[in-house]
Amino acid sequence: MAFPKRVIFCECWARDGLQSVPVWVPTDRKLEMIERFVDAGFPKIEVTSFSHPKLLPQFRDAEEVLRRLPRTGRAADVSYVVLMPNERGFDRFERCVEEGYGAHEIILMISASEEHNLRNFRMRHEEAFRAHERIMRRAHRLGVHVIGCAGTVYGCPIMGDVSFEAVAKIVRFYLDNGARTIMLGDTTGMANPVLVKERIGRLMDTFPGAQFIAHFHDTRGTGIANTVAALETGVVYVDGSVGAIGGQPATGAPKYHVGYTGNISSEDTVALLHEMGIETGIDLDKLIEAGRRAEEILGMKLRSEVVRCGPVNHGPAPAEKGEGERLVLPE
């Protein structure tokens, strides 16, 4: 299949990325990074989560972040996205909207694996459906779009393989209740390109009017390959995180937190898309600088390769110091 000419890339660093960072990132630094993402040209940005501050203290400043977001200039064309875990979180968010500093979209998530949803959100599917239906009605009244996220689309770390029917049940629920787009979450990096093409292709056949978001975690190093496979099916919405940071919920499954838990690297993915001739509207040089700044803020080396080596050079490059000198081998 042909690749799309353009993708809509959502930068998730300030929400899904920071979800796993145990050290408090000051509000000013979060806003600095969001402003960098706006300046780089991201059309969509995840900015915070309304999870309970005791459970995820990283987002105890959710209201302040929303209040201080840039909203003029280039930012006027950006869609801000927040994660909405439950109705109590929506109560807080609704007050922000009423006071004039809400967000454009919220993410609601139900794992296709009911056991995963029970351990993560403490709800079985039917209970989650009732709660999310209430939230969606309230969001629609406020003019806020809903992204319905099906988690564990390609497999569950607790129960193993997840059936197509289980995924379709979640997708159908969100579409029937007015979701704008459907995020297909590879929650613990269990997908592979063959499964991705099969599953998304079948979902597109079953729900021909839906718009799907490719959201892959890179737990097993296959995230970007899976993203490319999703693009081959016709998906145009892609998620990533600067530095490839990100987290996954704890459920007690063996080896669930062993290894890498983050998203795909935005820097590496955007660089690859540009090499493939796919437009993103994102300034790669500014994105790379944002990646370097993210490392300074977090005080650690992150997982972008492009930040280290730079984008592909298609013309003559100036010689580095010492390059071209005669190499003398020992006898």
Protein backbone atom coordinates (compact mmCIF):
# COMPACT_ATOMS: atom_id res chain seq x y z
CA MET A 1 0.00 0.00 0.00
CA ALA A 2 1.07 3.59 -0.59
CA PHE A 3 2.20 5.73 2.32
CA PRO A 4 0.24 8.90 3.12
CA LYS A 5 1.67 12.15 1.82
CA ARG A 6 1.30 13.82 5.21
CA VAL A 7 0.85 12.66 8.81
CA ILE A 8 -0.56 14.46 11.84
CA PHE A 9 1.96 13.96 14.63
CA CYS A 10 1.05 14.36 18.30
CA GLU A 11 3.90 15.06 20.73
CA CYS A 12 3.28 13.23 24.02
CA TRP A 13 6.35 14.22 26.11
CA ALA A 14 4.50 16.42 28.59
CA ARG A 15 1.92 13.73 29.43
CA ASP A 16 2.56 10.13 28.43
CA GLY A 17 6.30 10.83 28.49
CA LEU A 18 6.49 12.35 31.97
CA GLN A 19 4.08 9.78 33.38
CA SER A 20 7.02 7.49 34.14
CA VAL A 21 9.46 10.14 35.41
CA PRO A 22 9.71 9.85 39.22
CA VAL A 23 11.46 13.20 39.71
CA TRP A 24 9.26 16.29 39.79
CA VAL A 25 9.62 18.40 36.66
CA PRO A 26 8.81 22.04 37.52
CA THR A 27 5.82 23.60 35.82
CA ASP A 28 7.99 26.24 34.16
CA ARG A 29 10.10 23.51 32.51
CA LYS A 30 7.01 21.65 31.29
CA LEU A 31 5.68 24.85 29.74
CA GLU A 32 9.07 25.62 28.23
CA MET A 33 9.03 22.25 26.45
CA ILE A 34 5.44 22.68 25.30
CA GLU A 35 6.38 26.06 23.84
CA ARG A 36 9.27 24.40 22.02
CA PHE A 37 6.87 21.84 20.56
CA VAL A 38 4.55 24.61 19.41
CA ASP A 39 7.46 26.45 17.80
CA ALA A 40 8.64 23.25 16.10
CA GLY A 41 5.26 22.93 14.41
CA PHE A 42 3.46 20.05 16.15
CA PRO A 43 -0.26 20.24 15.32
CA LYS A 44 -1.27 18.25 18.43
CA ILE A 45 0.38 18.14 21.87
CA GLU A 46 -0.49 16.11 24.95
CA VAL A 47 -0.03 18.61 27.78
CA THR A 48 -1.08 16.98 31.07
CA SER A 49 -3.16 14.39 32.86
CA PHE A 50 -6.03 14.78 35.30
CA SER A 51 -5.05 11.66 37.21
CA HIS A 52 -5.30 11.98 40.98
CA PRO A 53 -2.22 13.86 42.29
CA LYS A 54 -1.64 11.19 44.96
CA LEU A 55 -1.37 8.51 42.28
CA LEU A 56 0.61 10.53 39.76
CA PRO A 57 2.15 13.52 41.56
CA GLN A 58 3.91 14.56 38.34
CA PHE A 59 0.58 16.05 37.25
CA ARG A 60 -0.42 17.85 40.41
CA ASP A 61 0.00 21.08 38.42
CA ALA A 62 -2.51 20.11 35.69
CA GLU A 63 -4.69 23.17 36.18
CA GLU A 64 -1.72 25.54 36.25
CA VAL A 65 -0.30 24.03 33.06
CA LEU A 66 -3.61 24.58 31.27
CA ARG A 67 -3.93 28.10 32.65
CA ARG A 68 -0.48 29.09 31.33
CA LEU A 69 -0.47 27.36 27.93
CA PRO A 70 0.41 29.56 24.94
CA ARG A 71 -2.74 30.18 22.93
CA THR A 72 -1.85 32.89 20.41
CA GLY A 73 0.37 33.00 17.34
CA ARG A 74 1.36 29.51 16.20
CA ALA A 75 -0.29 28.06 19.29
CA ALA A 76 -3.70 29.15 18.00
CA ASP A 77 -3.52 26.30 15.48
CA VAL A 78 -2.44 23.63 17.98
CA SER A 79 -4.85 21.12 19.48
CA TYR A 80 -4.07 20.57 23.17
CA VAL A 81 -4.85 17.12 24.53
CA VAL A 82 -5.23 15.88 28.13
CA LEU A 83 -5.70 12.42 29.59
CA MET A 84 -8.98 11.94 31.49
CA PRO A 85 -8.87 8.95 33.85
CA ASN A 86 -12.27 9.26 35.52
CA GLU A 87 -15.24 11.48 36.38
CA ARG A 88 -13.51 13.15 39.31
CA GLY A 89 -10.75 14.22 36.97
CA PHE A 90 -13.36 15.56 34.57
CA ASP A 91 -14.92 17.64 37.37
CA ARG A 92 -11.58 19.43 37.73
CA PHE A 93 -11.17 19.77 33.97
CA GLU A 94 -14.71 21.13 33.55
CA ARG A 95 -13.92 23.98 35.93
CA CYS A 96 -10.90 24.85 33.77
CA VAL A 97 -13.06 24.96 30.64
CA GLU A 98 -15.69 27.11 32.34
CA GLU A 99 -12.97 29.54 33.44
CA GLY A 100 -11.65 29.79 29.88
CA TYR A 101 -8.48 27.69 29.87
CA GLY A 102 -9.50 24.16 28.92
CA ALA A 103 -8.09 21.82 26.28
CA HIS A 104 -9.39 20.89 22.85
CA GLU A 105 -9.41 17.11 23.30
CA ILE A 106 -9.48 14.54 26.07
CA ILE A 107 -8.30 10.93 25.96
CA LEU A 108 -10.44 8.22 27.54
CA MET A 109 -8.94 4.74 27.72
CA ILE A 110 -10.31 1.24 28.19
CA SER A 111 -8.04 -1.78 27.78
CA ALA A 112 -9.34 -4.37 25.34
CA SER A 113 -8.09 -6.94 27.84
CA GLU A 114 -10.68 -6.79 30.60
CA GLU A 115 -8.23 -8.21 33.14
CA HIS A 116 -5.74 -5.45 32.31
CA ASN A 117 -8.48 -2.83 32.63
CA LEU A 118 -9.55 -4.28 35.98
CA ARG A 119 -6.03 -4.15 37.41
CA ASN A 120 -5.19 -0.75 35.90
CA PHE A 121 -8.48 1.17 36.31
CA ARG A 122 -10.26 -1.12 38.81
CA MET A 123 -13.23 -1.42 36.44
CA ARG A 124 -14.72 -4.17 34.34
CA HIS A 125 -15.76 -3.21 30.84
CA GLU A 126 -19.43 -2.57 31.49
CA GLU A 127 -18.67 -0.33 34.45
CA ALA A 128 -16.08 1.57 32.39
CA PHE A 129 -18.57 1.97 29.53
CA ARG A 130 -21.12 3.56 31.85
CA ALA A 131 -18.60 5.96 33.37
CA HIS A 132 -17.09 6.97 30.02
CA GLU A 133 -20.50 7.46 28.45
CA ARG A 134 -21.29 10.01 31.15
CA ILE A 135 -17.97 11.78 30.64
CA MET A 136 -18.43 11.87 26.86
CA ARG A 137 -21.87 13.46 27.17
CA ARG A 138 -20.39 16.16 29.39
CA ALA A 139 -17.44 16.69 27.05
CA HIS A 140 -19.70 17.07 24.02
CA ARG A 141 -21.77 19.70 25.84
CA LEU A 142 -18.56 21.67 26.44
CA GLY A 143 -17.49 21.36 22.80
CA VAL A 144 -14.48 19.20 23.77
CA HIS A 145 -13.55 16.40 21.38
CA VAL A 146 -13.00 12.88 22.68
CA ILE A 147 -10.21 10.52 21.65
CA GLY A 148 -11.30 7.00 22.51
CA CYS A 149 -8.27 4.86 23.33
CA ALA A 150 -8.35 1.09 23.16
CA GLY A 151 -5.42 -0.24 25.17
CA THR A 152 -3.66 -3.62 24.82
CA VAL A 153 -4.76 -3.76 21.18
CA TYR A 154 -1.97 -6.12 20.14
CA GLY A 155 -1.58 -8.15 23.31
CA CYS A 156 -1.87 -8.09 27.09
CA PRO A 157 1.08 -8.64 29.45
CA ILE A 158 -1.24 -10.46 31.86
CA MET A 159 -3.52 -12.54 29.63
CA GLY A 160 -1.47 -12.87 26.43
CA ASP A 161 -3.11 -12.56 23.02
CA VAL A 162 -6.10 -10.23 22.67
CA SER A 163 -8.81 -11.10 20.15
CA PHE A 164 -9.97 -8.81 17.37
CA GLU A 165 -13.50 -9.00 18.80
CA ALA A 166 -12.31 -7.65 22.16
CA VAL A 167 -10.65 -4.68 20.44
CA ALA A 168 -13.65 -4.05 18.18
CA LYS A 169 -15.94 -3.92 21.23
CA ILE A 170 -13.99 -0.98 22.66
CA VAL A 171 -13.73 0.81 19.31
CA ARG A 172 -17.46 0.40 18.65
CA PHE A 173 -18.35 1.79 22.07
CA TYR A 174 -16.34 4.97 21.58
CA LEU A 175 -17.55 5.56 18.02
CA ASP A 176 -21.18 4.98 19.01
CA ASN A 177 -20.79 7.64 21.69
CA GLY A 178 -19.29 10.28 19.42
CA ALA A 179 -15.53 9.89 19.76
CA ARG A 180 -13.62 11.96 17.21
CA THR A 181 -10.70 9.55 16.70
CA ILE A 182 -9.66 6.16 18.03
CA MET A 183 -6.21 5.61 19.52
CA LEU A 184 -4.90 2.07 19.14
CA GLY A 185 -2.57 1.57 22.07
CA ASP A 186 0.25 -0.96 22.03
CA THR A 187 0.46 -0.64 25.79
CA THR A 188 3.54 -2.77 26.40
CA GLY A 189 5.14 -3.03 22.96
CA MET A 190 3.75 -6.45 21.97
CA ALA A 191 2.95 -5.61 18.33
CA ASN A 192 4.81 -6.57 15.18
CA PRO A 193 4.34 -5.19 11.63
CA VAL A 194 2.42 -8.23 10.37
CA LEU A 195 -0.04 -8.09 13.27
CA VAL A 196 -0.34 -4.31 12.92
CA LYS A 197 -1.34 -4.51 9.26
CA GLU A 198 -3.76 -7.35 9.89
CA ARG A 199 -5.45 -5.72 12.88
CA ILE A 200 -5.69 -2.17 11.59
CA GLY A 201 -6.75 -3.36 8.15
CA ARG A 202 -9.59 -5.34 9.67
CA LEU A 203 -10.61 -2.43 11.91
CA MET A 204 -10.72 -0.13 8.90
CA ASP A 205 -12.94 -2.60 7.06
CA THR A 206 -15.23 -2.93 10.08
CA PHE A 207 -15.35 0.81 10.90
CA PRO A 208 -14.85 2.56 7.52
CA GLY A 209 -15.61 6.04 8.86
CA ALA A 210 -13.16 5.93 11.76
CA GLN A 211 -9.85 7.74 12.04
CA PHE A 212 -7.22 5.71 13.90
CA ILE A 213 -4.14 6.88 15.82
CA ALA A 214 -0.96 4.78 15.79
CA HIS A 215 0.33 4.76 19.37
CA PHE A 216 3.19 2.33 19.90
CA HIS A 217 5.43 1.74 22.86
CA ASP A 218 8.97 0.63 22.11
CA THR A 219 9.34 -1.96 24.86
CA ARG A 220 10.83 -4.53 22.49
CA GLY A 221 12.43 -2.11 20.03
CA THR A 222 9.75 -2.50 17.34
CA GLY A 223 7.82 0.76 17.81
CA ILE A 224 8.99 2.68 14.74
CA ALA A 225 8.71 -0.40 12.51
CA ASN A 226 5.15 -0.86 13.74
CA THR A 227 4.40 2.81 13.09
CA VAL A 228 5.59 2.49 9.49
CA ALA A 229 3.39 -0.59 9.10
CA ALA A 230 0.41 1.39 10.39
CA LEU A 231 1.09 4.13 7.86
CA GLU A 232 1.01 1.53 5.10
CA THR A 233 -2.59 0.74 6.04
CA GLY A 234 -3.59 4.39 5.60
CA VAL A 235 -3.30 5.68 9.17
CA VAL A 236 -2.33 9.39 9.21
CA TYR A 237 -2.35 10.09 12.97
CA VAL A 238 0.88 9.22 14.84
CA ASP A 239 1.96 9.63 18.47
CA GLY A 240 5.51 9.87 19.80
CA SER A 241 7.53 11.36 22.62
CA VAL A 242 10.73 13.41 22.54
CA GLY A 243 13.55 11.22 23.80
CA ALA A 244 11.23 8.19 23.59
CA ILE A 245 10.26 8.51 27.26
CA GLY A 246 6.99 7.16 28.55
CA GLY A 247 5.43 4.82 31.04
CA GLN A 248 3.03 1.98 31.48
CA PRO A 249 0.73 1.16 34.40
CA ALA A 250 1.75 -1.35 37.05
CA THR A 251 -0.33 -4.52 37.25
CA GLY A 252 1.98 -7.01 38.92
CA ALA A 253 2.54 -9.06 35.78
CA PRO A 254 5.96 -10.77 35.65
CA LYS A 255 8.65 -8.68 33.95
CA TYR A 256 6.07 -5.98 33.26
CA HIS A 257 8.52 -3.23 34.15
CA VAL A 258 11.71 -4.95 33.06
CA GLY A 259 13.39 -3.23 30.14
CA TYR A 260 12.25 -0.12 28.32
CA THR A 261 8.71 1.22 28.75
CA GLY A 262 8.59 4.37 26.63
CA ASN A 263 7.00 5.59 23.44
CA ILE A 264 8.66 5.82 20.05
CA SER A 265 11.16 8.65 19.69
CA SER A 266 9.58 11.70 18.04
CA GLU A 267 12.96 12.90 16.77
CA ASP A 268 13.84 9.59 15.13
CA THR A 269 10.36 9.04 13.71
CA VAL A 270 10.01 12.52 12.24
CA ALA A 271 13.49 12.24 10.71
CA LEU A 272 12.51 8.91 9.14
CA LEU A 273 9.22 10.26 7.81
CA HIS A 274 11.02 13.18 6.18
CA GLU A 275 13.51 10.78 4.58
CA MET A 276 10.55 8.83 3.20
CA GLY A 277 9.07 11.98 1.67
CA ILE A 278 6.18 12.14 4.13
CA GLU A 279 5.31 15.65 5.28
CA THR A 280 4.78 16.45 8.95
CA GLY A 281 4.97 20.25 9.10
CA ILE A 282 7.57 19.85 11.86
CA ASP A 283 10.91 21.63 11.86
CA LEU A 284 13.35 18.77 12.52
CA ASP A 285 16.20 21.06 13.63
CA LYS A 286 13.98 22.64 16.29
CA LEU A 287 12.75 19.21 17.32
CA ILE A 288 16.32 17.98 17.79
CA GLU A 289 17.09 21.04 19.91
CA ALA A 290 14.00 20.26 21.99
CA GLY A 291 15.35 16.74 22.44
CA ARG A 292 18.66 18.06 23.71
CA ARG A 293 16.89 20.42 26.09
CA ALA A 294 14.74 17.55 27.39
CA GLU A 295 17.91 15.70 28.35
CA GLU A 296 19.11 18.76 30.28
CA ILE A 297 15.80 19.13 32.09
CA LEU A 298 15.57 15.46 33.06
CA GLY A 299 19.30 15.12 33.74
CA MET A 300 19.67 11.94 31.75
CA LYS A 301 20.54 10.63 28.31
CA LEU A 302 17.35 9.80 26.42
CA ARG A 303 16.78 7.38 23.54
CA SER A 304 16.83 9.52 20.41
CA GLU A 305 19.49 8.43 17.95
CA VAL A 306 19.00 11.49 15.72
CA VAL A 307 19.87 13.78 18.64
CA ARG A 308 23.25 12.01 18.73
CA CYS A 309 24.09 11.69 15.03
CA GLY A 310 21.90 14.30 13.34
CA PRO A 311 19.66 13.80 10.29
CA VAL A 312 20.86 12.16 7.09
CA ASN A 313 23.24 14.41 5.14
CA HIS A 314 22.41 14.49 1.41
CA GLY A 315 25.24 16.75 0.33
CA PRO A 316 28.96 17.24 0.96
CA ALA A 317 29.70 17.84 4.59
CA PRO A 318 32.66 19.82 5.95
CA ALA A 319 35.47 17.58 7.12
CA GLU A 320 35.80 17.12 10.84
CA LYS A 321 39.04 18.10 12.52
CA GLY A 322 41.69 15.56 11.70
CA GLU A 323 39.68 13.95 8.92
CA GLY A 324 41.71 13.18 5.82
CA GLU A 325 44.97 12.74 7.65
CA ARG A 326 47.02 9.73 6.65
CA LEU A 327 46.24 6.69 8.77
CA VAL A 328 49.43 4.97 9.97
CA LEU A 329 49.00 1.33 10.88
CA PRO A 330 51.41 -0.40 13.26
CA GLU A 331 53.83 -2.82 11.64
